[in-house]
PDB file of N, CA and C in Angstrom:
ATOM      1  N   MET A   1       0.853  -1.094   0.011  1.00  0.00           N
ATOM      2  CA  MET A   1       0.046   0.068   0.013  1.00  0.00           C
ATOM      3  C   MET A   1       0.864   1.237  -0.077  1.00  0.00           C
ATOM      4  N   MET A   2       0.739   2.100  -1.015  1.00  0.00           N
ATOM      5  CA  MET A   2       1.517   3.248  -1.175  1.00  0.00           C
ATOM      6  C   MET A   2       0.654   4.459  -1.211  1.00  0.00           C
ATOM      7  N   ILE A   3       1.316   5.640  -0.716  1.00  0.00           N
ATOM      8  CA  ILE A   3       0.457   6.780  -0.936  1.00  0.00           C
ATOM      9  C   ILE A   3       0.726   7.321  -2.320  1.00  0.00           C
ATOM     10  N   GLY A   4      -0.230   8.202  -2.663  1.00  0.00           N
ATOM     11  CA  GLY A   4      -0.155   8.664  -4.094  1.00  0.00           C
ATOM     12  C   GLY A   4       1.170   9.292  -4.528  1.00  0.00           C
ATOM     13  N   ALA A   5       1.742   9.962  -3.626  1.00  0.00           N
ATOM     14  CA  ALA A   5       2.997  10.656  -4.002  1.00  0.00           C
ATOM     15  C   ALA A   5       4.066   9.618  -4.358  1.00  0.00           C
ATOM     16  N   VAL A   6       4.178   8.497  -3.573  1.00  0.00           N
ATOM     17  CA  VAL A   6       5.142   7.619  -3.885  1.00  0.00           C
ATOM     18  C   VAL A   6       4.845   6.834  -5.066  1.00  0.00           C
ATOM     19  N   LYS A   7       3.555   6.497  -5.417  1.00  0.00           N
ATOM     20  CA  LYS A   7       3.269   5.907  -6.639  1.00  0.00           C
ATOM     21  C   LYS A   7       3.644   6.819  -7.830  1.00  0.00           C
ATOM     22  N   TRP A   8       3.381   7.989  -7.680  1.00  0.00           N
ATOM     23  CA  TRP A   8       3.796   8.948  -8.851  1.00  0.00           C
ATOM     24  C   TRP A   8       5.200   8.917  -9.028  1.00  0.00           C
ATOM     25  N   PHE A   9       6.000   9.050  -7.886  1.00  0.00           N
ATOM     26  CA  PHE A   9       7.450   9.031  -7.989  1.00  0.00           C
ATOM     27  C   PHE A   9       8.052   7.799  -8.633  1.00  0.00           C
ATOM     28  N   CYS A  10       7.416   6.585  -8.270  1.00  0.00           N
ATOM     29  CA  CYS A  10       7.838   5.388  -8.802  1.00  0.00           C
ATOM     30  C   CYS A  10       7.547   5.338 -10.324  1.00  0.00           C
ATOM     31  N   ARG A  11       6.413   5.741 -10.745  1.00  0.00           N
ATOM     32  CA  ARG A  11       5.920   5.768 -12.141  1.00  0.00           C
ATOM     33  C   ARG A  11       6.943   6.647 -12.898  1.00  0.00           C
ATOM     34  N   GLN A  12       7.208   7.829 -12.365  1.00  0.00           N
ATOM     35  CA  GLN A  12       8.230   8.748 -13.045  1.00  0.00           C
ATOM     36  C   GLN A  12       9.659   8.086 -13.225  1.00  0.00           C
ATOM     37  N   SER A  13      10.012   7.401 -12.201  1.00  0.00           N
ATOM     38  CA  SER A  13      11.316   6.735 -12.188  1.00  0.00           C
ATOM     39  C   SER A  13      11.220   5.557 -13.225  1.00  0.00           C
ATOM     40  N   GLY A  14      10.157   4.883 -13.290  1.00  0.00           N
ATOM     41  CA  GLY A  14      10.001   3.758 -14.225  1.00  0.00           C
ATOM     42  C   GLY A  14       9.973   4.243 -15.729  1.00  0.00           C
ATOM     43  N   LYS A  15       9.567   5.411 -16.026  1.00  0.00           N
ATOM     44  CA  LYS A  15       9.615   5.880 -17.346  1.00  0.00           C
ATOM     45  C   LYS A  15      11.001   6.141 -17.821  1.00  0.00           C
ATOM     46  N   LYS A  16      11.893   6.319 -16.893  1.00  0.00           N
ATOM     47  CA  LYS A  16      13.346   6.562 -17.267  1.00  0.00           C
ATOM     48  C   LYS A  16      14.301   5.162 -17.195  1.00  0.00           C
ATOM     49  N   LYS A  17      13.665   4.142 -16.632  1.00  0.00           N
ATOM     50  CA  LYS A  17      14.347   2.976 -16.382  1.00  0.00           C
ATOM     51  C   LYS A  17      14.947   2.365 -17.711  1.00  0.00           C
ATOM     52  N   PHE A  18      16.192   1.968 -17.753  1.00  0.00           N
ATOM     53  CA  PHE A  18      16.819   1.395 -18.938  1.00  0.00           C
ATOM     54  C   PHE A  18      17.154   2.391 -19.899  1.00  0.00           C
ATOM     55  N   THR A  19      16.943   3.649 -19.735  1.00  0.00           N
ATOM     56  CA  THR A  19      17.325   4.667 -20.800  1.00  0.00           C
ATOM     57  C   THR A  19      18.882   4.938 -20.753  1.00  0.00           C
ATOM     58  N   ASP A  20      19.383   5.483 -21.833  1.00  0.00           N
ATOM     59  CA  ASP A  20      20.806   5.783 -21.691  1.00  0.00           C
ATOM     60  C   ASP A  20      21.179   6.642 -20.489  1.00  0.00           C
ATOM     61  N   SER A  21      20.366   7.566 -20.183  1.00  0.00           N
ATOM     62  CA  SER A  21      20.597   8.394 -18.913  1.00  0.00           C
ATOM     63  C   SER A  21      20.656   7.600 -17.618  1.00  0.00           C
ATOM     64  N   ASP A  22      19.642   6.612 -17.660  1.00  0.00           N
ATOM     65  CA  ASP A  22      19.668   5.753 -16.406  1.00  0.00           C
ATOM     66  C   ASP A  22      20.873   4.902 -16.314  1.00  0.00           C
ATOM     67  N   ILE A  23      21.338   4.287 -17.342  1.00  0.00           N
ATOM     68  CA  ILE A  23      22.516   3.499 -17.380  1.00  0.00           C
ATOM     69  C   ILE A  23      23.843   4.356 -17.039  1.00  0.00           C
ATOM     70  N   ARG A  24      23.870   5.598 -17.648  1.00  0.00           N
ATOM     71  CA  ARG A  24      24.995   6.493 -17.237  1.00  0.00           C
ATOM     72  C   ARG A  24      24.957   6.774 -15.818  1.00  0.00           C
ATOM     73  N   SER A  25      23.741   7.053 -15.276  1.00  0.00           N
ATOM     74  CA  SER A  25      23.679   7.448 -13.830  1.00  0.00           C
ATOM     75  C   SER A  25      24.120   6.121 -12.877  1.00  0.00           C
ATOM     76  N   MET A  26      23.734   5.049 -13.316  1.00  0.00           N
ATOM     77  CA  MET A  26      24.201   3.820 -12.505  1.00  0.00           C
ATOM     78  C   MET A  26      25.635   3.667 -12.711  1.00  0.00           C
ATOM     79  N   LYS A  27      26.304   3.838 -13.745  1.00  0.00           N
ATOM     80  CA  LYS A  27      27.683   3.700 -13.842  1.00  0.00           C
ATOM     81  C   LYS A  27      28.521   4.668 -12.996  1.00  0.00           C
ATOM     82  N   TYR A  28      27.894   6.090 -13.099  1.00  0.00           N
ATOM     83  CA  TYR A  28      28.537   7.099 -12.271  1.00  0.00           C
ATOM     84  C   TYR A  28      28.409   6.864 -10.860  1.00  0.00           C
ATOM     85  N   THR A  29      27.264   6.421 -10.356  1.00  0.00           N
ATOM     86  CA  THR A  29      27.171   6.089  -8.955  1.00  0.00           C
ATOM     87  C   THR A  29      28.058   5.045  -8.507  1.00  0.00           C
ATOM     88  N   ALA A  30      28.249   3.959  -9.386  1.00  0.00           N
ATOM     89  CA  ALA A  30      29.192   2.932  -9.070  1.00  0.00           C
ATOM     90  C   ALA A  30      30.642   3.337  -8.929  1.00  0.00           C
ATOM     91  N   GLU A  31      31.024   4.381  -9.780  1.00  0.00           N
ATOM     92  CA  GLU A  31      32.350   4.936  -9.789  1.00  0.00           C
ATOM     93  C   GLU A  31      32.548   5.796  -8.467  1.00  0.00           C
ATOM     94  N   LEU A  32      31.496   6.434  -8.062  1.00  0.00           N
ATOM     95  CA  LEU A  32      31.714   7.297  -6.909  1.00  0.00           C
ATOM     96  C   LEU A  32      32.206   6.595  -5.606  1.00  0.00           C
ATOM     97  N   LYS A  33      31.721   5.460  -5.328  1.00  0.00           N
ATOM     98  CA  LYS A  33      32.133   4.823  -4.062  1.00  0.00           C
ATOM     99  C   LYS A  33      31.849   5.738  -2.903  1.00  0.00           C
ATOM    100  N   ALA A  34      30.710   6.382  -2.841  1.00  0.00           N
ATOM    101  CA  ALA A  34      30.414   7.492  -1.906  1.00  0.00           C
ATOM    102  C   ALA A  34      30.616   6.951  -0.519  1.00  0.00           C
ATOM    103  N   ALA A  35      30.278   5.795  -0.123  1.00  0.00           N
ATOM    104  CA  ALA A  35      30.417   5.261   1.295  1.00  0.00           C
ATOM    105  C   ALA A  35      31.791   5.370   1.829  1.00  0.00           C
ATOM    106  N   ASP A  36      32.708   5.387   0.856  1.00  0.00           N
ATOM    107  CA  ASP A  36      34.196   5.496   1.410  1.00  0.00           C
ATOM    108  C   ASP A  36      34.385   6.789   2.029  1.00  0.00           C
ATOM    109  N   ARG A  37      33.531   7.816   1.731  1.00  0.00           N
ATOM    110  CA  ARG A  37      33.693   9.213   2.226  1.00  0.00           C
ATOM    111  C   ARG A  37      32.651   9.520   3.283  1.00  0.00           C
ATOM    112  N   ASN A  38      31.403   8.876   3.078  1.00  0.00           N
ATOM    113  CA  ASN A  38      30.332   9.179   3.856  1.00  0.00           C
ATOM    114  C   ASN A  38      29.646   7.894   4.257  1.00  0.00           C
ATOM    115  N   PRO A  39      29.663   7.526   5.510  1.00  0.00           N
ATOM    116  CA  PRO A  39      29.127   6.136   5.997  1.00  0.00           C
ATOM    117  C   PRO A  39      27.643   6.026   5.841  1.00  0.00           C
ATOM    118  N   TYR A  40      26.874   7.132   5.515  1.00  0.00           N
ATOM    119  CA  TYR A  40      25.527   7.091   5.362  1.00  0.00           C
ATOM    120  C   TYR A  40      25.035   7.038   3.882  1.00  0.00           C
ATOM    121  N   SER A  41      25.958   6.782   3.054  1.00  0.00           N
ATOM    122  CA  SER A  41      25.787   6.658   1.551  1.00  0.00           C
ATOM    123  C   SER A  41      25.997   5.109   1.164  1.00  0.00           C
ATOM    124  N   TRP A  42      26.147   4.857   0.033  1.00  0.00           N
ATOM    125  CA  TRP A  42      26.306   3.508  -0.623  1.00  0.00           C
ATOM    126  C   TRP A  42      27.438   3.472  -1.422  1.00  0.00           C
ATOM    127  N   ASN A  43      28.055   2.234  -1.557  1.00  0.00           N
ATOM    128  CA  ASN A  43      28.929   1.788  -2.586  1.00  0.00           C
ATOM    129  C   ASN A  43      28.277   0.637  -3.340  1.00  0.00           C
ATOM    130  N   MET A  44      28.311   0.715  -4.634  1.00  0.00           N
ATOM    131  CA  MET A  44      27.581  -0.295  -5.514  1.00  0.00           C
ATOM    132  C   MET A  44      28.487  -0.491  -6.765  1.00  0.00           C
ATOM    133  N   GLU A  45      28.243  -1.680  -7.300  1.00  0.00           N
ATOM    134  CA  GLU A  45      28.750  -2.078  -8.578  1.00  0.00           C
ATOM    135  C   GLU A  45      27.600  -2.230  -9.572  1.00  0.00           C
ATOM    136  N   PHE A  46      27.895  -2.033 -10.776  1.00  0.00           N
ATOM    137  CA  PHE A  46      26.885  -2.130 -11.893  1.00  0.00           C
ATOM    138  C   PHE A  46      27.244  -3.232 -12.755  1.00  0.00           C
ATOM    139  N   TYR A  47      26.224  -4.121 -12.944  1.00  0.00           N
ATOM    140  CA  TYR A  47      26.429  -5.281 -13.912  1.00  0.00           C
ATOM    141  C   TYR A  47      25.261  -5.398 -14.909  1.00  0.00           C
ATOM    142  N   PRO A  48      25.506  -5.003 -16.162  1.00  0.00           N
ATOM    143  CA  PRO A  48      24.579  -5.151 -17.088  1.00  0.00           C
ATOM    144  C   PRO A  48      24.344  -6.723 -17.449  1.00  0.00           C
ATOM    145  N   TYR A  49      23.172  -7.020 -17.739  1.00  0.00           N
ATOM    146  CA  TYR A  49      22.933  -8.416 -18.091  1.00  0.00           C
ATOM    147  C   TYR A  49      23.439  -8.552 -19.588  1.00  0.00           C
ATOM    148  N   GLU A  50      24.052  -9.753 -19.831  1.00  0.00           N
ATOM    149  CA  GLU A  50      24.644  -9.948 -21.094  1.00  0.00           C
ATOM    150  C   GLU A  50      23.709 -10.064 -22.292  1.00  0.00           C
ATOM    151  N   ASP A  51      22.429 -10.382 -21.958  1.00  0.00           N
ATOM    152  CA  ASP A  51      21.368 -10.548 -23.067  1.00  0.00           C
ATOM    153  C   ASP A  51      20.717  -9.270 -23.169  1.00  0.00           C
ATOM    154  N   ASP A  52      21.100  -8.016 -22.541  1.00  0.00           N
ATOM    155  CA  ASP A  52      20.397  -6.822 -22.616  1.00  0.00           C
ATOM    156  C   ASP A  52      19.070  -6.694 -22.046  1.00  0.00           C
ATOM    157  N   SER A  53      18.781  -7.639 -21.168  1.00  0.00           N
ATOM    158  CA  SER A  53      17.469  -7.667 -20.577  1.00  0.00           C
ATOM    159  C   SER A  53      17.388  -6.914 -19.235  1.00  0.00           C
ATOM    160  N   GLY A  54      18.349  -6.233 -18.796  1.00  0.00           N
ATOM    161  CA  GLY A  54      18.331  -5.366 -17.653  1.00  0.00           C
ATOM    162  C   GLY A  54      19.718  -5.250 -17.102  1.00  0.00           C
ATOM    163  N   TYR A  55      19.723  -5.078 -15.739  1.00  0.00           N
ATOM    164  CA  TYR A  55      21.080  -5.061 -14.925  1.00  0.00           C
ATOM    165  C   TYR A  55      20.837  -5.234 -13.603  1.00  0.00           C
ATOM    166  N   GLU A  56      21.912  -5.469 -12.863  1.00  0.00           N
ATOM    167  CA  GLU A  56      22.062  -5.603 -11.414  1.00  0.00           C
ATOM    168  C   GLU A  56      22.825  -4.467 -10.831  1.00  0.00           C
ATOM    169  N   ALA A  57      22.285  -3.920  -9.795  1.00  0.00           N
ATOM    170  CA  ALA A  57      23.140  -2.911  -9.015  1.00  0.00           C
ATOM    171  C   ALA A  57      23.404  -3.723  -7.611  1.00  0.00           C
ATOM    172  N   ARG A  58      24.702  -3.812  -7.433  1.00  0.00           N
ATOM    173  CA  ARG A  58      25.209  -4.852  -6.283  1.00  0.00           C
ATOM    174  C   ARG A  58      25.797  -3.851  -5.368  1.00  0.00           C
ATOM    175  N   PHE A  59      25.158  -3.731  -4.162  1.00  0.00           N
ATOM    176  CA  PHE A  59      25.555  -2.884  -3.163  1.00  0.00           C
ATOM    177  C   PHE A  59      26.423  -3.516  -2.039  1.00  0.00           C
ATOM    178  N   THR A  60      27.630  -2.923  -1.774  1.00  0.00           N
ATOM    179  CA  THR A  60      28.577  -3.602  -0.910  1.00  0.00           C
ATOM    180  C   THR A  60      28.621  -2.819   0.387  1.00  0.00           C
ATOM    181  N   LYS A  61      28.124  -1.680   0.517  1.00  0.00           N
ATOM    182  CA  LYS A  61      28.073  -0.754   1.634  1.00  0.00           C
ATOM    183  C   LYS A  61      26.740  -0.150   1.641  1.00  0.00           C
ATOM    184  N   CYS A  62      26.092  -0.060   2.796  1.00  0.00           N
ATOM    185  CA  CYS A  62      24.707   0.522   2.897  1.00  0.00           C
ATOM    186  C   CYS A  62      24.604   1.515   3.922  1.00  0.00           C
ATOM    187  N   GLY A  63      24.238   2.792   3.568  1.00  0.00           N
ATOM    188  CA  GLY A  63      24.125   3.880   4.594  1.00  0.00           C
ATOM    189  C   GLY A  63      22.912   3.577   5.456  1.00  0.00           C
ATOM    190  N   ILE A  64      21.874   2.922   4.984  1.00  0.00           N
ATOM    191  CA  ILE A  64      20.741   2.759   5.842  1.00  0.00           C
ATOM    192  C   ILE A  64      21.128   1.625   6.929  1.00  0.00           C
ATOM    193  N   CYS A  65      21.924   0.652   6.561  1.00  0.00           N
ATOM    194  CA  CYS A  65      22.411  -0.336   7.531  1.00  0.00           C
ATOM    195  C   CYS A  65      23.163   0.338   8.690  1.00  0.00           C
ATOM    196  N   THR A  66      24.082   1.249   8.202  1.00  0.00           N
ATOM    197  CA  THR A  66      24.955   2.096   9.211  1.00  0.00           C
ATOM    198  C   THR A  66      24.167   2.816  10.071  1.00  0.00           C
ATOM    199  N   LEU A  67      23.218   3.669   9.518  1.00  0.00           N
ATOM    200  CA  LEU A  67      22.386   4.513  10.366  1.00  0.00           C
ATOM    201  C   LEU A  67      21.492   3.656  11.340  1.00  0.00           C
ATOM    202  N   MET A  68      20.839   2.719  10.884  1.00  0.00           N
ATOM    203  CA  MET A  68      19.891   1.938  11.763  1.00  0.00           C
ATOM    204  C   MET A  68      20.606   1.221  12.853  1.00  0.00           C
ATOM    205  N   LYS A  69      21.867   0.869  12.551  1.00  0.00           N
ATOM    206  CA  LYS A  69      22.734   0.151  13.607  1.00  0.00           C
ATOM    207  C   LYS A  69      22.953   1.224  14.719  1.00  0.00           C
ATOM    208  N   GLU A  70      23.346   2.473  14.269  1.00  0.00           N
ATOM    209  CA  GLU A  70      23.728   3.527  15.237  1.00  0.00           C
ATOM    210  C   GLU A  70      22.539   3.886  16.087  1.00  0.00           C
ATOM    211  N   LEU A  71      21.284   3.826  15.499  1.00  0.00           N
ATOM    212  CA  LEU A  71      20.130   4.076  16.182  1.00  0.00           C
ATOM    213  C   LEU A  71      19.537   3.067  17.076  1.00  0.00           C
ATOM    214  N   GLY A  72      20.000   1.786  16.791  1.00  0.00           N
ATOM    215  CA  GLY A  72      19.683   0.696  17.686  1.00  0.00           C
ATOM    216  C   GLY A  72      18.289  -0.007  17.118  1.00  0.00           C
ATOM    217  N   ILE A  73      18.000   0.270  15.925  1.00  0.00           N
ATOM    218  CA  ILE A  73      16.787  -0.293  15.299  1.00  0.00           C
ATOM    219  C   ILE A  73      17.110  -1.144  14.029  1.00  0.00           C
ATOM    220  N   TYR A  74      18.183  -1.768  13.953  1.00  0.00           N
ATOM    221  CA  TYR A  74      18.686  -2.457  12.800  1.00  0.00           C
ATOM    222  C   TYR A  74      17.688  -3.512  12.355  1.00  0.00           C
ATOM    223  N   GLU A  75      16.956  -4.089  13.257  1.00  0.00           N
ATOM    224  CA  GLU A  75      15.891  -5.082  12.831  1.00  0.00           C
ATOM    225  C   GLU A  75      14.863  -4.637  11.923  1.00  0.00           C
ATOM    226  N   ALA A  76      14.752  -3.313  11.797  1.00  0.00           N
ATOM    227  CA  ALA A  76      13.765  -2.830  10.783  1.00  0.00           C
ATOM    228  C   ALA A  76      14.302  -2.748   9.391  1.00  0.00           C
ATOM    229  N   VAL A  77      15.611  -2.866   9.333  1.00  0.00           N
ATOM    230  CA  VAL A  77      16.085  -2.773   7.881  1.00  0.00           C
ATOM    231  C   VAL A  77      15.591  -3.773   6.815  1.00  0.00           C
ATOM    232  N   PRO A  78      15.456  -5.119   7.169  1.00  0.00           N
ATOM    233  CA  PRO A  78      15.003  -6.007   6.085  1.00  0.00           C
ATOM    234  C   PRO A  78      13.655  -5.703   5.650  1.00  0.00           C
ATOM    235  N   ALA A  79      12.786  -5.084   6.479  1.00  0.00           N
ATOM    236  CA  ALA A  79      11.445  -4.640   5.995  1.00  0.00           C
ATOM    237  C   ALA A  79      11.606  -3.480   4.987  1.00  0.00           C
ATOM    238  N   MET A  80      12.573  -2.570   5.281  1.00  0.00           N
ATOM    239  CA  MET A  80      12.816  -1.456   4.328  1.00  0.00           C
ATOM    240  C   MET A  80      13.337  -1.980   2.970  1.00  0.00           C
ATOM    241  N   CYS A  81      14.272  -3.106   2.991  1.00  0.00           N
ATOM    242  CA  CYS A  81      14.780  -3.732   1.828  1.00  0.00           C
ATOM    243  C   CYS A  81      13.587  -4.359   1.028  1.00  0.00           C
ATOM    244  N   ALA A  82      12.617  -4.895   1.724  1.00  0.00           N
ATOM    245  CA  ALA A  82      11.412  -5.418   0.942  1.00  0.00           C
ATOM    246  C   ALA A  82      10.736  -4.516   0.140  1.00  0.00           C
ATOM    247  N   LEU A  83      10.796  -3.153   0.415  1.00  0.00           N
ATOM    248  CA  LEU A  83      10.094  -2.315  -0.385  1.00  0.00           C
ATOM    249  C   LEU A  83      10.686  -2.217  -1.890  1.00  0.00           C
ATOM    250  N   ASP A  84      11.864  -2.535  -2.035  1.00  0.00           N
ATOM    251  CA  ASP A  84      12.476  -2.544  -3.445  1.00  0.00           C
ATOM    252  C   ASP A  84      11.474  -3.276  -4.454  1.00  0.00           C
ATOM    253  N   TYR A  85      10.868  -4.314  -4.062  1.00  0.00           N
ATOM    254  CA  TYR A  85      10.029  -5.054  -4.938  1.00  0.00           C
ATOM    255  C   TYR A  85       8.787  -4.249  -5.283  1.00  0.00           C
ATOM    256  N   ALA A  86       8.024  -3.623  -4.322  1.00  0.00           N
ATOM    257  CA  ALA A  86       6.968  -2.803  -4.527  1.00  0.00           C
ATOM    258  C   ALA A  86       7.293  -1.589  -5.338  1.00  0.00           C
ATOM    259  N   MET A  87       8.403  -0.939  -5.116  1.00  0.00           N
ATOM    260  CA  MET A  87       8.743   0.218  -5.842  1.00  0.00           C
ATOM    261  C   MET A  87       9.018  -0.060  -7.277  1.00  0.00           C
ATOM    262  N   SER A  88       9.642  -1.194  -7.569  1.00  0.00           N
ATOM    263  CA  SER A  88       9.869  -1.706  -8.898  1.00  0.00           C
ATOM    264  C   SER A  88       8.569  -1.947  -9.582  1.00  0.00           C
ATOM    265  N   GLU A  89       7.720  -2.632  -8.932  1.00  0.00           N
ATOM    266  CA  GLU A  89       6.425  -2.911  -9.531  1.00  0.00           C
ATOM    267  C   GLU A  89       5.690  -1.644  -9.869  1.00  0.00           C
ATOM    268  N   ALA A  90       5.687  -0.652  -8.959  1.00  0.00           N
ATOM    269  CA  ALA A  90       4.908   0.536  -9.132  1.00  0.00           C
ATOM    270  C   ALA A  90       5.647   1.373 -10.391  1.00  0.00           C
ATOM    271  N   GLY A  91       6.773   1.145 -10.496  1.00  0.00           N
ATOM    272  CA  GLY A  91       7.496   1.870 -11.685  1.00  0.00           C
ATOM    273  C   GLY A  91       6.924   1.370 -13.057  1.00  0.00           C
ATOM    274  N   GLY A  92       6.536   0.023 -13.026  1.00  0.00           N
ATOM    275  CA  GLY A  92       5.931  -0.448 -14.297  1.00  0.00           C
ATOM    276  C   GLY A  92       6.939  -0.839 -15.369  1.00  0.00           C
ATOM    277  N   ALA A  93       8.184  -0.788 -15.220  1.00  0.00           N
ATOM    278  CA  ALA A  93       9.216  -0.913 -16.283  1.00  0.00           C
ATOM    279  C   ALA A  93       9.986  -2.193 -16.046  1.00  0.00           C
ATOM    280  N   SER A  94      10.007  -2.698 -14.711  1.00  0.00           N
ATOM    281  CA  SER A  94      10.968  -3.801 -14.437  1.00  0.00           C
ATOM    282  C   SER A  94      10.329  -4.784 -13.581  1.00  0.00           C
ATOM    283  N   VAL A  95      11.015  -5.999 -13.570  1.00  0.00           N
ATOM    284  CA  VAL A  95      10.740  -6.964 -12.569  1.00  0.00           C
ATOM    285  C   VAL A  95      11.912  -7.012 -11.595  1.00  0.00           C
ATOM    286  N   PHE A  96      11.694  -6.915 -10.377  1.00  0.00           N
ATOM    287  CA  PHE A  96      12.834  -6.918  -9.345  1.00  0.00           C
ATOM    288  C   PHE A  96      13.094  -8.279  -8.962  1.00  0.00           C
ATOM    289  N   ALA A  97      14.363  -8.615  -8.776  1.00  0.00           N
ATOM    290  CA  ALA A  97      14.817 -10.014  -8.287  1.00  0.00           C
ATOM    291  C   ALA A  97      15.972  -9.665  -7.243  1.00  0.00           C
ATOM    292  N   ARG A  98      16.053 -10.480  -6.314  1.00  0.00           N
ATOM    293  CA  ARG A  98      17.154 -10.359  -5.278  1.00  0.00           C
ATOM    294  C   ARG A  98      17.304 -11.742  -4.617  1.00  0.00           C
ATOM    295  N   GLU A  99      18.613 -11.988  -4.311  1.00  0.00           N
ATOM    296  CA  GLU A  99      18.975 -13.185  -3.650  1.00  0.00           C
ATOM    297  C   GLU A  99      19.580 -12.786  -2.182  1.00  0.00           C
ATOM    298  N   TYR A 100      20.220 -11.734  -1.999  1.00  0.00           N
ATOM    299  CA  TYR A 100      20.817 -11.417  -0.959  1.00  0.00           C
ATOM    300  C   TYR A 100      20.632  -9.927  -0.448  1.00  0.00           C
ATOM    301  N   THR A 101      20.689  -9.668   0.836  1.00  0.00           N
ATOM    302  CA  THR A 101      20.718  -8.300   1.376  1.00  0.00           C
ATOM    303  C   THR A 101      21.804  -8.270   2.466  1.00  0.00           C
ATOM    304  N   LEU A 102      22.462  -7.154   2.612  1.00  0.00           N
ATOM    305  CA  LEU A 102      23.403  -6.985   3.721  1.00  0.00           C
ATOM    306  C   LEU A 102      22.734  -7.007   5.052  1.00  0.00           C
ATOM    307  N   ALA A 103      21.477  -6.581   5.130  1.00  0.00           N
ATOM    308  CA  ALA A 103      20.674  -6.444   6.249  1.00  0.00           C
ATOM    309  C   ALA A 103      20.447  -7.850   6.791  1.00  0.00           C
ATOM    310  N   SER A 104      20.251  -8.849   5.897  1.00  0.00           N
ATOM    311  CA  SER A 104      20.054 -10.200   6.415  1.00  0.00           C
ATOM    312  C   SER A 104      21.296 -11.124   6.464  1.00  0.00           C
ATOM    313  N   GLY A 105      22.371 -10.409   6.380  1.00  0.00           N
ATOM    314  CA  GLY A 105      23.641 -11.132   6.597  1.00  0.00           C
ATOM    315  C   GLY A 105      24.321 -11.604   5.277  1.00  0.00           C
ATOM    316  N   GLY A 106      23.802 -11.161   4.105  1.00  0.00           N
ATOM    317  CA  GLY A 106      24.328 -11.589   2.815  1.00  0.00           C
ATOM    318  C   GLY A 106      25.666 -10.791   2.531  1.00  0.00           C
ATOM    319  N   PRO A 107      26.291 -11.305   1.579  1.00  0.00           N
ATOM    320  CA  PRO A 107      27.642 -10.758   1.334  1.00  0.00           C
ATOM    321  C   PRO A 107      27.481  -9.400   0.480  1.00  0.00           C
ATOM    322  N   TYR A 108      26.245  -8.989   0.036  1.00  0.00           N
ATOM    323  CA  TYR A 108      26.006  -7.853  -0.701  1.00  0.00           C
ATOM    324  C   TYR A 108      24.486  -7.762  -0.815  1.00  0.00           C
ATOM    325  N   CYS A 109      23.979  -6.666  -1.394  1.00  0.00           N
ATOM    326  CA  CYS A 109      22.599  -6.528  -1.791  1.00  0.00           C
ATOM    327  C   CYS A 109      22.582  -6.567  -3.158  1.00  0.00           C
ATOM    328  N   ASP A 110      21.869  -7.651  -3.924  1.00  0.00           N
ATOM    329  CA  ASP A 110      21.848  -7.654  -5.300  1.00  0.00           C
ATOM    330  C   ASP A 110      20.463  -7.228  -5.667  1.00  0.00           C
ATOM    331  N   CYS A 111      20.442  -6.144  -6.329  1.00  0.00           N
ATOM    332  CA  CYS A 111      19.159  -5.616  -6.860  1.00  0.00           C
ATOM    333  C   CYS A 111      19.136  -5.751  -8.296  1.00  0.00           C
ATOM    334  N   GLY A 112      18.365  -6.701  -8.813  1.00  0.00           N
ATOM    335  CA  GLY A 112      18.328  -7.072 -10.115  1.00  0.00           C
ATOM    336  C   GLY A 112      17.054  -6.590 -10.775  1.00  0.00           C
ATOM    337  N   TYR A 113      17.098  -5.843 -11.900  1.00  0.00           N
ATOM    338  CA  TYR A 113      16.026  -5.288 -12.550  1.00  0.00           C
ATOM    339  C   TYR A 113      16.047  -5.722 -14.028  1.00  0.00           C
ATOM    340  N   LYS A 114      14.981  -6.532 -14.328  1.00  0.00           N
ATOM    341  CA  LYS A 114      14.917  -7.135 -15.585  1.00  0.00           C
ATOM    342  C   LYS A 114      13.742  -6.457 -16.330  1.00  0.00           C
ATOM    343  N   LYS A 115      13.991  -6.097 -17.588  1.00  0.00           N
ATOM    344  CA  LYS A 115      13.026  -5.363 -18.328  1.00  0.00           C
ATOM    345  C   LYS A 115      11.640  -6.143 -18.425  1.00  0.00           C
ATOM    346  N   LYS A 116      10.607  -5.475 -18.106  1.00  0.00           N
ATOM    347  CA  LYS A 116       9.276  -6.032 -18.044  1.00  0.00           C
ATOM    348  C   LYS A 116       8.887  -6.206 -19.635  1.00  0.00           C
ATOM    349  N   VAL A 117       8.460  -7.386 -19.970  1.00  0.00           N
ATOM    350  CA  VAL A 117       7.864  -7.616 -21.283  1.00  0.00           C
ATOM    351  C   VAL A 117       6.552  -7.036 -21.396  1.00  0.00           C
ATOM    352  N   ARG A 118       6.260  -6.232 -22.350  1.00  0.00           N
ATOM    353  CA  ARG A 118       4.961  -5.714 -22.453  1.00  0.00           C
ATOM    354  C   ARG A 118       4.044  -6.325 -23.556  1.00  0.00           C
TER     355      ARG A 118
END
């Protein structure tokens, strides 16, 4: 269940998914390694699927995990991670898939976005 503003934001994001701009942005974010300078940010790697069906954003450092540990409410993080599925669905352009999250003890968070067949 999402409020209207979140649904709108997800739909706008979905319209840009898999565009050249989206791919450039993902690659740029991967190069930044922002969590090396700010513990409340993220480090990620970008892996395009070989068959051009989408990509994976693999997060190796998570600012939300860091913050929630400091606040003593780390147990809430897996619920926040689960929102990725709903947000992808609301965007309308991708099917989200994941095997691991840092919050559940995984080696990384694998955020897979496969192009939705229309």
